[in-house]
Amino acid sequence: AEGRLDAQSLCGKTPGHVARRARAHGVPVIALAGAVAAPAGLEAGGIDAHTSIVPGPCTRDEAYARAADWLAQAAEQALRLVQIGQRLRTGPRRGDRVEAPL
């Protein structure tokens, strides 16, 4: 997680280092940040997807106070999307809920 994800996040900061190392090993990167500014170039820098953890307008104090909860919620949703992508690629697994078409 990063407070604010922008082009500078790729230049000598932890998100940039993590993204480059992950890309070198073929591992996709999802970046979670308090805010995302100027997302152009993030993918070229190794960040495959990104999102803000802040669910809507709030004060800075509220963002700091709720950051841990919001980060946990955003991480859970990101992993749910990864799981959906895996199921789309491989098809439903035994035990998955499958609804009949209308």
PDB file of N, CA and C in Angstrom:
ATOM      1  N   ALA A   1       0.851  -1.186   0.000  1.00  0.00           N
ATOM      2  CA  ALA A   1       0.000   0.000   0.000  1.00  0.00           C
ATOM      3  C   ALA A   1       0.883   1.230   0.000  1.00  0.00           C
ATOM      4  N   GLU A   2       0.402   2.256  -0.588  1.00  0.00           N
ATOM      5  CA  GLU A   2       1.114   3.526  -0.715  1.00  0.00           C
ATOM      6  C   GLU A   2       0.109   4.618  -0.396  1.00  0.00           C
ATOM      7  N   GLY A   3       0.550   5.701   0.239  1.00  0.00           N
ATOM      8  CA  GLY A   3      -0.358   6.803   0.534  1.00  0.00           C
ATOM      9  C   GLY A   3      -0.948   7.392  -0.724  1.00  0.00           C
ATOM     10  N   ARG A   4      -0.078   7.697  -1.677  1.00  0.00           N
ATOM     11  CA  ARG A   4      -0.511   8.249  -2.959  1.00  0.00           C
ATOM     12  C   ARG A   4       0.319   7.590  -4.047  1.00  0.00           C
ATOM     13  N   LEU A   5      -0.330   6.960  -4.978  1.00  0.00           N
ATOM     14  CA  LEU A   5       0.347   6.273  -6.065  1.00  0.00           C
ATOM     15  C   LEU A   5       0.390   7.202  -7.274  1.00  0.00           C
ATOM     16  N   ASP A   6       1.601   7.486  -7.728  1.00  0.00           N
ATOM     17  CA  ASP A   6       1.772   8.334  -8.907  1.00  0.00           C
ATOM     18  C   ASP A   6       3.071   7.931  -9.595  1.00  0.00           C
ATOM     19  N   ALA A   7       3.462   8.693 -10.615  1.00  0.00           N
ATOM     20  CA  ALA A   7       4.664   8.359 -11.385  1.00  0.00           C
ATOM     21  C   ALA A   7       5.901   8.283 -10.492  1.00  0.00           C
ATOM     22  N   GLN A   8       5.985   9.101  -9.463  1.00  0.00           N
ATOM     23  CA  GLN A   8       7.146   9.072  -8.573  1.00  0.00           C
ATOM     24  C   GLN A   8       7.211   7.796  -7.746  1.00  0.00           C
ATOM     25  N   SER A   9       6.075   7.112  -7.595  1.00  0.00           N
ATOM     26  CA  SER A   9       6.058   5.854  -6.852  1.00  0.00           C
ATOM     27  C   SER A   9       6.937   4.798  -7.515  1.00  0.00           C
ATOM     28  N   LEU A  10       7.196   4.980  -8.816  1.00  0.00           N
ATOM     29  CA  LEU A  10       8.012   4.026  -9.562  1.00  0.00           C
ATOM     30  C   LEU A  10       9.494   4.364  -9.514  1.00  0.00           C
ATOM     31  N   CYS A  11       9.832   5.530  -9.009  1.00  0.00           N
ATOM     32  CA  CYS A  11      11.208   6.029  -9.043  1.00  0.00           C
ATOM     33  C   CYS A  11      11.860   5.969  -7.666  1.00  0.00           C
ATOM     34  N   GLY A  12      12.436   4.844  -7.331  1.00  0.00           N
ATOM     35  CA  GLY A  12      13.187   4.729  -6.102  1.00  0.00           C
ATOM     36  C   GLY A  12      12.363   4.468  -4.855  1.00  0.00           C
ATOM     37  N   LYS A  13      11.060   4.343  -4.982  1.00  0.00           N
ATOM     38  CA  LYS A  13      10.213   4.040  -3.831  1.00  0.00           C
ATOM     39  C   LYS A  13       9.850   2.560  -3.843  1.00  0.00           C
ATOM     40  N   THR A  14       9.376   2.075  -2.723  1.00  0.00           N
ATOM     41  CA  THR A  14       9.073   0.654  -2.568  1.00  0.00           C
ATOM     42  C   THR A  14       8.134   0.109  -3.651  1.00  0.00           C
ATOM     43  N   PRO A  15       7.024   0.794  -3.995  1.00  0.00           N
ATOM     44  CA  PRO A  15       6.152   0.219  -5.038  1.00  0.00           C
ATOM     45  C   PRO A  15       6.882  -0.030  -6.361  1.00  0.00           C
ATOM     46  N   GLY A  16       7.775   0.857  -6.733  1.00  0.00           N
ATOM     47  CA  GLY A  16       8.536   0.668  -7.967  1.00  0.00           C
ATOM     48  C   GLY A  16       9.476  -0.516  -7.894  1.00  0.00           C
ATOM     49  N   HIS A  17      10.159  -0.662  -6.767  1.00  0.00           N
ATOM     50  CA  HIS A  17      11.066  -1.800  -6.582  1.00  0.00           C
ATOM     51  C   HIS A  17      10.293  -3.124  -6.613  1.00  0.00           C
ATOM     52  N   VAL A  18       9.179  -3.166  -5.889  1.00  0.00           N
ATOM     53  CA  VAL A  18       8.366  -4.382  -5.850  1.00  0.00           C
ATOM     54  C   VAL A  18       7.851  -4.711  -7.254  1.00  0.00           C
ATOM     55  N   ALA A  19       7.359  -3.706  -7.967  1.00  0.00           N
ATOM     56  CA  ALA A  19       6.809  -3.929  -9.308  1.00  0.00           C
ATOM     57  C   ALA A  19       7.872  -4.466 -10.259  1.00  0.00           C
ATOM     58  N   ARG A  20       9.062  -3.903 -10.226  1.00  0.00           N
ATOM     59  CA  ARG A  20      10.130  -4.375 -11.123  1.00  0.00           C
ATOM     60  C   ARG A  20      10.544  -5.817 -10.796  1.00  0.00           C
ATOM     61  N   ARG A  21      10.685  -6.122  -9.523  1.00  0.00           N
ATOM     62  CA  ARG A  21      11.077  -7.484  -9.137  1.00  0.00           C
ATOM     63  C   ARG A  21       9.983  -8.484  -9.493  1.00  0.00           C
ATOM     64  N   ALA A  22       8.737  -8.108  -9.247  1.00  0.00           N
ATOM     65  CA  ALA A  22       7.628  -9.010  -9.577  1.00  0.00           C
ATOM     66  C   ALA A  22       7.575  -9.266 -11.075  1.00  0.00           C
ATOM     67  N   ARG A  23       7.706  -8.204 -11.869  1.00  0.00           N
ATOM     68  CA  ARG A  23       7.663  -8.367 -13.333  1.00  0.00           C
ATOM     69  C   ARG A  23       8.786  -9.278 -13.814  1.00  0.00           C
ATOM     70  N   ALA A  24       9.965  -9.153 -13.218  1.00  0.00           N
ATOM     71  CA  ALA A  24      11.094  -9.993 -13.602  1.00  0.00           C
ATOM     72  C   ALA A  24      10.806 -11.470 -13.369  1.00  0.00           C
ATOM     73  N   HIS A  25       9.909 -11.770 -12.442  1.00  0.00           N
ATOM     74  CA  HIS A  25       9.551 -13.153 -12.134  1.00  0.00           C
ATOM     75  C   HIS A  25       8.178 -13.539 -12.686  1.00  0.00           C
ATOM     76  N   GLY A  26       7.581 -12.668 -13.491  1.00  0.00           N
ATOM     77  CA  GLY A  26       6.297 -12.978 -14.109  1.00  0.00           C
ATOM     78  C   GLY A  26       5.120 -12.917 -13.157  1.00  0.00           C
ATOM     79  N   VAL A  27       5.249 -12.161 -12.077  1.00  0.00           N
ATOM     80  CA  VAL A  27       4.198 -12.061 -11.072  1.00  0.00           C
ATOM     81  C   VAL A  27       3.445 -10.741 -11.257  1.00  0.00           C
ATOM     82  N   PRO A  28       2.124 -10.771 -11.451  1.00  0.00           N
ATOM     83  CA  PRO A  28       1.375  -9.526 -11.608  1.00  0.00           C
ATOM     84  C   PRO A  28       1.299  -8.757 -10.284  1.00  0.00           C
ATOM     85  N   VAL A  29       1.154  -7.439 -10.402  1.00  0.00           N
ATOM     86  CA  VAL A  29       1.124  -6.555  -9.235  1.00  0.00           C
ATOM     87  C   VAL A  29      -0.173  -5.759  -9.215  1.00  0.00           C
ATOM     88  N   ILE A  30      -0.845  -5.781  -8.079  1.00  0.00           N
ATOM     89  CA  ILE A  30      -2.001  -4.933  -7.832  1.00  0.00           C
ATOM     90  C   ILE A  30      -1.590  -3.957  -6.734  1.00  0.00           C
ATOM     91  N   ALA A  31      -1.634  -2.672  -7.024  1.00  0.00           N
ATOM     92  CA  ALA A  31      -1.247  -1.650  -6.052  1.00  0.00           C
ATOM     93  C   ALA A  31      -2.493  -1.057  -5.403  1.00  0.00           C
ATOM     94  N   LEU A  32      -2.469  -0.985  -4.085  1.00  0.00           N
ATOM     95  CA  LEU A  32      -3.544  -0.368  -3.319  1.00  0.00           C
ATOM     96  C   LEU A  32      -2.969   0.884  -2.681  1.00  0.00           C
ATOM     97  N   ALA A  33      -3.668   1.995  -2.838  1.00  0.00           N
ATOM     98  CA  ALA A  33      -3.148   3.268  -2.329  1.00  0.00           C
ATOM     99  C   ALA A  33      -4.289   4.120  -1.798  1.00  0.00           C
ATOM    100  N   GLY A  34      -3.929   5.077  -0.958  1.00  0.00           N
ATOM    101  CA  GLY A  34      -4.929   6.016  -0.464  1.00  0.00           C
ATOM    102  C   GLY A  34      -5.514   6.836  -1.602  1.00  0.00           C
ATOM    103  N   ALA A  35      -4.667   7.200  -2.551  1.00  0.00           N
ATOM    104  CA  ALA A  35      -5.094   7.961  -3.727  1.00  0.00           C
ATOM    105  C   ALA A  35      -4.246   7.533  -4.919  1.00  0.00           C
ATOM    106  N   VAL A  36      -4.828   7.623  -6.104  1.00  0.00           N
ATOM    107  CA  VAL A  36      -4.100   7.328  -7.337  1.00  0.00           C
ATOM    108  C   VAL A  36      -4.137   8.583  -8.189  1.00  0.00           C
ATOM    109  N   ALA A  37      -2.960   9.113  -8.497  1.00  0.00           N
ATOM    110  CA  ALA A  37      -2.855  10.326  -9.316  1.00  0.00           C
ATOM    111  C   ALA A  37      -2.009  10.015 -10.541  1.00  0.00           C
ATOM    112  N   ALA A  38      -2.401  10.521 -11.669  1.00  0.00           N
ATOM    113  CA  ALA A  38      -1.647  10.352 -12.916  1.00  0.00           C
ATOM    114  C   ALA A  38      -1.269   8.894 -13.154  1.00  0.00           C
ATOM    115  N   PRO A  39      -2.273   8.019 -13.356  1.00  0.00           N
ATOM    116  CA  PRO A  39      -1.978   6.595 -13.489  1.00  0.00           C
ATOM    117  C   PRO A  39      -1.255   6.207 -14.778  1.00  0.00           C
ATOM    118  N   ALA A  40      -1.183   7.135 -15.759  1.00  0.00           N
ATOM    119  CA  ALA A  40      -0.487   6.818 -17.009  1.00  0.00           C
ATOM    120  C   ALA A  40       0.955   6.434 -16.695  1.00  0.00           C
ATOM    121  N   GLY A  41       1.396   5.335 -17.246  1.00  0.00           N
ATOM    122  CA  GLY A  41       2.762   4.889 -17.047  1.00  0.00           C
ATOM    123  C   GLY A  41       2.935   3.875 -15.935  1.00  0.00           C
ATOM    124  N   LEU A  42       1.933   3.694 -15.100  1.00  0.00           N
ATOM    125  CA  LEU A  42       2.077   2.735 -14.006  1.00  0.00           C
ATOM    126  C   LEU A  42       2.208   1.315 -14.534  1.00  0.00           C
ATOM    127  N   GLU A  43       1.432   0.972 -15.568  1.00  0.00           N
ATOM    128  CA  GLU A  43       1.505  -0.377 -16.126  1.00  0.00           C
ATOM    129  C   GLU A  43       2.879  -0.626 -16.743  1.00  0.00           C
ATOM    130  N   ALA A  44       3.394   0.355 -17.459  1.00  0.00           N
ATOM    131  CA  ALA A  44       4.728   0.198 -18.040  1.00  0.00           C
ATOM    132  C   ALA A  44       5.782   0.029 -16.952  1.00  0.00           C
ATOM    133  N   GLY A  45       5.521   0.579 -15.780  1.00  0.00           N
ATOM    134  CA  GLY A  45       6.445   0.452 -14.662  1.00  0.00           C
ATOM    135  C   GLY A  45       6.276  -0.830 -13.878  1.00  0.00           C
ATOM    136  N   GLY A  46       5.355  -1.697 -14.293  1.00  0.00           N
ATOM    137  CA  GLY A  46       5.198  -2.994 -13.650  1.00  0.00           C
ATOM    138  C   GLY A  46       3.978  -3.132 -12.762  1.00  0.00           C
ATOM    139  N   ILE A  47       3.184  -2.082 -12.648  1.00  0.00           N
ATOM    140  CA  ILE A  47       1.953  -2.166 -11.851  1.00  0.00           C
ATOM    141  C   ILE A  47       0.810  -2.506 -12.798  1.00  0.00           C
ATOM    142  N   ASP A  48       0.291  -3.714 -12.656  1.00  0.00           N
ATOM    143  CA  ASP A  48      -0.702  -4.210 -13.606  1.00  0.00           C
ATOM    144  C   ASP A  48      -2.103  -3.674 -13.354  1.00  0.00           C
ATOM    145  N   ALA A  49      -2.420  -3.397 -12.092  1.00  0.00           N
ATOM    146  CA  ALA A  49      -3.725  -2.847 -11.726  1.00  0.00           C
ATOM    147  C   ALA A  49      -3.543  -2.012 -10.466  1.00  0.00           C
ATOM    148  N   HIS A  50      -4.419  -1.049 -10.279  1.00  0.00           N
ATOM    149  CA  HIS A  50      -4.319  -0.180  -9.111  1.00  0.00           C
ATOM    150  C   HIS A  50      -5.691   0.335  -8.735  1.00  0.00           C
ATOM    151  N   THR A  51      -5.839   0.671  -7.475  1.00  0.00           N
ATOM    152  CA  THR A  51      -7.091   1.253  -7.015  1.00  0.00           C
ATOM    153  C   THR A  51      -6.848   2.021  -5.726  1.00  0.00           C
ATOM    154  N   SER A  52      -7.724   2.963  -5.471  1.00  0.00           N
ATOM    155  CA  SER A  52      -7.695   3.689  -4.206  1.00  0.00           C
ATOM    156  C   SER A  52      -8.464   2.886  -3.172  1.00  0.00           C
ATOM    157  N   ILE A  53      -7.966   2.876  -1.947  1.00  0.00           N
ATOM    158  CA  ILE A  53      -8.669   2.166  -0.873  1.00  0.00           C
ATOM    159  C   ILE A  53      -9.746   3.031  -0.247  1.00  0.00           C
ATOM    160  N   VAL A  54      -9.715   4.342  -0.528  1.00  0.00           N
ATOM    161  CA  VAL A  54     -10.660   5.278   0.092  1.00  0.00           C
ATOM    162  C   VAL A  54     -11.999   5.182  -0.650  1.00  0.00           C
ATOM    163  N   PRO A  55     -13.076   4.817   0.045  1.00  0.00           N
ATOM    164  CA  PRO A  55     -14.347   4.579  -0.629  1.00  0.00           C
ATOM    165  C   PRO A  55     -15.096   5.830  -1.080  1.00  0.00           C
ATOM    166  N   GLY A  56     -14.681   6.992  -0.630  1.00  0.00           N
ATOM    167  CA  GLY A  56     -15.364   8.224  -1.028  1.00  0.00           C
ATOM    168  C   GLY A  56     -14.733   9.422  -0.346  1.00  0.00           C
ATOM    169  N   PRO A  57     -15.317  10.582  -0.549  1.00  0.00           N
ATOM    170  CA  PRO A  57     -14.764  11.786   0.065  1.00  0.00           C
ATOM    171  C   PRO A  57     -14.668  11.650   1.587  1.00  0.00           C
ATOM    172  N   CYS A  58     -13.566  12.125   2.138  1.00  0.00           N
ATOM    173  CA  CYS A  58     -13.366  12.088   3.585  1.00  0.00           C
ATOM    174  C   CYS A  58     -12.278  13.089   3.949  1.00  0.00           C
ATOM    175  N   THR A  59     -12.156  13.349   5.220  1.00  0.00           N
ATOM    176  CA  THR A  59     -11.082  14.224   5.688  1.00  0.00           C
ATOM    177  C   THR A  59      -9.791  13.415   5.788  1.00  0.00           C
ATOM    178  N   ARG A  60      -8.676  14.105   5.846  1.00  0.00           N
ATOM    179  CA  ARG A  60      -7.388  13.434   5.999  1.00  0.00           C
ATOM    180  C   ARG A  60      -7.356  12.650   7.315  1.00  0.00           C
ATOM    181  N   ASP A  61      -7.887  13.263   8.375  1.00  0.00           N
ATOM    182  CA  ASP A  61      -7.907  12.583   9.672  1.00  0.00           C
ATOM    183  C   ASP A  61      -8.709  11.280   9.602  1.00  0.00           C
ATOM    184  N   GLU A  62      -9.859  11.324   8.919  1.00  0.00           N
ATOM    185  CA  GLU A  62     -10.667  10.121   8.783  1.00  0.00           C
ATOM    186  C   GLU A  62      -9.912   9.061   7.969  1.00  0.00           C
ATOM    187  N   ALA A  63      -9.239   9.497   6.916  1.00  0.00           N
ATOM    188  CA  ALA A  63      -8.486   8.553   6.090  1.00  0.00           C
ATOM    189  C   ALA A  63      -7.394   7.864   6.908  1.00  0.00           C
ATOM    190  N   TYR A  64      -6.679   8.614   7.712  1.00  0.00           N
ATOM    191  CA  TYR A  64      -5.641   8.017   8.554  1.00  0.00           C
ATOM    192  C   TYR A  64      -6.257   7.064   9.584  1.00  0.00           C
ATOM    193  N   ALA A  65      -7.356   7.467  10.172  1.00  0.00           N
ATOM    194  CA  ALA A  65      -7.982   6.655  11.216  1.00  0.00           C
ATOM    195  C   ALA A  65      -8.559   5.356  10.668  1.00  0.00           C
ATOM    196  N   ARG A  66      -9.027   5.368   9.432  1.00  0.00           N
ATOM    197  CA  ARG A  66      -9.712   4.190   8.881  1.00  0.00           C
ATOM    198  C   ARG A  66      -8.876   3.427   7.858  1.00  0.00           C
ATOM    199  N   ALA A  67      -7.627   3.861   7.664  1.00  0.00           N
ATOM    200  CA  ALA A  67      -6.780   3.275   6.614  1.00  0.00           C
ATOM    201  C   ALA A  67      -6.640   1.760   6.743  1.00  0.00           C
ATOM    202  N   ALA A  68      -6.418   1.250   7.936  1.00  0.00           N
ATOM    203  CA  ALA A  68      -6.221  -0.194   8.101  1.00  0.00           C
ATOM    204  C   ALA A  68      -7.466  -0.979   7.679  1.00  0.00           C
ATOM    205  N   ASP A  69      -8.634  -0.510   8.098  1.00  0.00           N
ATOM    206  CA  ASP A  69      -9.882  -1.191   7.711  1.00  0.00           C
ATOM    207  C   ASP A  69     -10.106  -1.112   6.212  1.00  0.00           C
ATOM    208  N   TRP A  70      -9.916   0.075   5.658  1.00  0.00           N
ATOM    209  CA  TRP A  70     -10.122   0.249   4.218  1.00  0.00           C
ATOM    210  C   TRP A  70      -9.126  -0.582   3.411  1.00  0.00           C
ATOM    211  N   LEU A  71      -7.890  -0.659   3.882  1.00  0.00           N
ATOM    212  CA  LEU A  71      -6.887  -1.469   3.191  1.00  0.00           C
ATOM    213  C   LEU A  71      -7.297  -2.938   3.203  1.00  0.00           C
ATOM    214  N   ALA A  72      -7.750  -3.420   4.331  1.00  0.00           N
ATOM    215  CA  ALA A  72      -8.187  -4.815   4.423  1.00  0.00           C
ATOM    216  C   ALA A  72      -9.359  -5.083   3.480  1.00  0.00           C
ATOM    217  N   GLN A  73     -10.310  -4.166   3.440  1.00  0.00           N
ATOM    218  CA  GLN A  73     -11.473  -4.340   2.556  1.00  0.00           C
ATOM    219  C   GLN A  73     -11.053  -4.315   1.093  1.00  0.00           C
ATOM    220  N   ALA A  74     -10.174  -3.386   0.727  1.00  0.00           N
ATOM    221  CA  ALA A  74      -9.722  -3.289  -0.664  1.00  0.00           C
ATOM    222  C   ALA A  74      -8.920  -4.522  -1.062  1.00  0.00           C
ATOM    223  N   ALA A  75      -8.075  -5.017  -0.162  1.00  0.00           N
ATOM    224  CA  ALA A  75      -7.289  -6.219  -0.456  1.00  0.00           C
ATOM    225  C   ALA A  75      -8.206  -7.419  -0.658  1.00  0.00           C
ATOM    226  N   GLU A  76      -9.227  -7.543   0.178  1.00  0.00           N
ATOM    227  CA  GLU A  76     -10.169  -8.648   0.024  1.00  0.00           C
ATOM    228  C   GLU A  76     -10.874  -8.571  -1.325  1.00  0.00           C
ATOM    229  N   GLN A  77     -11.316  -7.392  -1.715  1.00  0.00           N
ATOM    230  CA  GLN A  77     -12.001  -7.250  -3.000  1.00  0.00           C
ATOM    231  C   GLN A  77     -11.063  -7.536  -4.164  1.00  0.00           C
ATOM    232  N   ALA A  78      -9.815  -7.085  -4.060  1.00  0.00           N
ATOM    233  CA  ALA A  78      -8.840  -7.350  -5.125  1.00  0.00           C
ATOM    234  C   ALA A  78      -8.626  -8.858  -5.284  1.00  0.00           C
ATOM    235  N   LEU A  79      -8.502  -9.557  -4.165  1.00  0.00           N
ATOM    236  CA  LEU A  79      -8.304 -11.007  -4.242  1.00  0.00           C
ATOM    237  C   LEU A  79      -9.545 -11.728  -4.748  1.00  0.00           C
ATOM    238  N   ARG A  80     -10.713 -11.208  -4.431  1.00  0.00           N
ATOM    239  CA  ARG A  80     -11.940 -11.798  -4.984  1.00  0.00           C
ATOM    240  C   ARG A  80     -11.951 -11.658  -6.508  1.00  0.00           C
ATOM    241  N   LEU A  81     -11.495 -10.512  -7.013  1.00  0.00           N
ATOM    242  CA  LEU A  81     -11.432 -10.324  -8.461  1.00  0.00           C
ATOM    243  C   LEU A  81     -10.421 -11.272  -9.098  1.00  0.00           C
ATOM    244  N   VAL A  82      -9.309 -11.490  -8.438  1.00  0.00           N
ATOM    245  CA  VAL A  82      -8.322 -12.453  -8.929  1.00  0.00           C
ATOM    246  C   VAL A  82      -8.951 -13.848  -8.994  1.00  0.00           C
ATOM    247  N   GLN A  83      -9.663 -14.225  -7.956  1.00  0.00           N
ATOM    248  CA  GLN A  83     -10.312 -15.534  -7.941  1.00  0.00           C
ATOM    249  C   GLN A  83     -11.336 -15.665  -9.066  1.00  0.00           C
ATOM    250  N   ILE A  84     -12.095 -14.613  -9.307  1.00  0.00           N
ATOM    251  CA  ILE A  84     -13.065 -14.637 -10.409  1.00  0.00           C
ATOM    252  C   ILE A  84     -12.336 -14.835 -11.729  1.00  0.00           C
ATOM    253  N   GLY A  85     -11.242 -14.120 -11.924  1.00  0.00           N
ATOM    254  CA  GLY A  85     -10.449 -14.273 -13.145  1.00  0.00           C
ATOM    255  C   GLY A  85      -9.939 -15.692 -13.320  1.00  0.00           C
ATOM    256  N   GLN A  86      -9.500 -16.295 -12.232  1.00  0.00           N
ATOM    257  CA  GLN A  86      -9.028 -17.679 -12.299  1.00  0.00           C
ATOM    258  C   GLN A  86     -10.162 -18.627 -12.670  1.00  0.00           C
ATOM    259  N   ARG A  87     -11.333 -18.412 -12.083  1.00  0.00           N
ATOM    260  CA  ARG A  87     -12.475 -19.280 -12.404  1.00  0.00           C
ATOM    261  C   ARG A  87     -12.916 -19.109 -13.848  1.00  0.00           C
ATOM    262  N   LEU A  88     -12.855 -17.880 -14.358  1.00  0.00           N
ATOM    263  CA  LEU A  88     -13.226 -17.666 -15.759  1.00  0.00           C
ATOM    264  C   LEU A  88     -12.275 -18.406 -16.688  1.00  0.00           C
ATOM    265  N   ARG A  89     -11.020 -18.480 -16.283  1.00  0.00           N
ATOM    266  CA  ARG A  89     -10.023 -19.145 -17.109  1.00  0.00           C
ATOM    267  C   ARG A  89     -10.154 -20.664 -17.031  1.00  0.00           C
ATOM    268  N   THR A  90     -10.450 -21.186 -15.852  1.00  0.00           N
ATOM    269  CA  THR A  90     -10.444 -22.635 -15.654  1.00  0.00           C
ATOM    270  C   THR A  90     -11.830 -23.256 -15.598  1.00  0.00           C
ATOM    271  N   GLY A  91     -12.861 -22.442 -15.457  1.00  0.00           N
ATOM    272  CA  GLY A  91     -14.210 -22.975 -15.317  1.00  0.00           C
ATOM    273  C   GLY A  91     -14.534 -23.204 -13.852  1.00  0.00           C
ATOM    274  N   PRO A  92     -15.805 -23.425 -13.536  1.00  0.00           N
ATOM    275  CA  PRO A  92     -16.197 -23.606 -12.140  1.00  0.00           C
ATOM    276  C   PRO A  92     -15.568 -24.857 -11.537  1.00  0.00           C
ATOM    277  N   ARG A  93     -15.296 -24.778 -10.238  1.00  0.00           N
ATOM    278  CA  ARG A  93     -14.770 -25.927  -9.500  1.00  0.00           C
ATOM    279  C   ARG A  93     -15.905 -26.640  -8.798  1.00  0.00           C
ATOM    280  N   ARG A  94     -15.653 -27.856  -8.422  1.00  0.00           N
ATOM    281  CA  ARG A  94     -16.644 -28.613  -7.654  1.00  0.00           C
ATOM    282  C   ARG A  94     -16.965 -27.850  -6.376  1.00  0.00           C
ATOM    283  N   GLY A  95     -18.226 -27.629  -6.113  1.00  0.00           N
ATOM    284  CA  GLY A  95     -18.634 -26.903  -4.936  1.00  0.00           C
ATOM    285  C   GLY A  95     -18.940 -25.439  -5.198  1.00  0.00           C
ATOM    286  N   ASP A  96     -18.529 -24.911  -6.364  1.00  0.00           N
ATOM    287  CA  ASP A  96     -18.864 -23.527  -6.707  1.00  0.00           C
ATOM    288  C   ASP A  96     -20.354 -23.415  -6.956  1.00  0.00           C
ATOM    289  N   ARG A  97     -20.902 -22.299  -6.567  1.00  0.00           N
ATOM    290  CA  ARG A  97     -22.322 -22.047  -6.817  1.00  0.00           C
ATOM    291  C   ARG A  97     -22.496 -21.710  -8.295  1.00  0.00           C
ATOM    292  N   VAL A  98     -23.322 -22.466  -8.962  1.00  0.00           N
ATOM    293  CA  VAL A  98     -23.609 -22.216 -10.374  1.00  0.00           C
ATOM    294  C   VAL A  98     -25.117 -22.059 -10.504  1.00  0.00           C
ATOM    295  N   GLU A  99     -25.527 -20.952 -11.066  1.00  0.00           N
ATOM    296  CA  GLU A  99     -26.960 -20.697 -11.236  1.00  0.00           C
ATOM    297  C   GLU A  99     -27.359 -20.991 -12.668  1.00  0.00           C
ATOM    298  N   ALA A 100     -28.559 -21.492 -12.818  1.00  0.00           N
ATOM    299  CA  ALA A 100     -29.074 -21.813 -14.142  1.00  0.00           C
ATOM    300  C   ALA A 100     -29.362 -20.507 -14.897  1.00  0.00           C
ATOM    301  N   PRO A 101     -29.120 -20.505 -16.213  1.00  0.00           N
ATOM    302  CA  PRO A 101     -29.438 -19.301 -17.008  1.00  0.00           C
ATOM    303  C   PRO A 101     -30.927 -19.054 -17.036  1.00  0.00           C
ATOM    304  N   LEU A 102     -31.285 -17.805 -17.207  1.00  0.00           N
ATOM    305  CA  LEU A 102     -32.704 -17.428 -17.271  1.00  0.00           C
ATOM    306  C   LEU A 102     -33.335 -17.797 -18.564  1.00  0.00           C
TER     307      LEU A 102
END
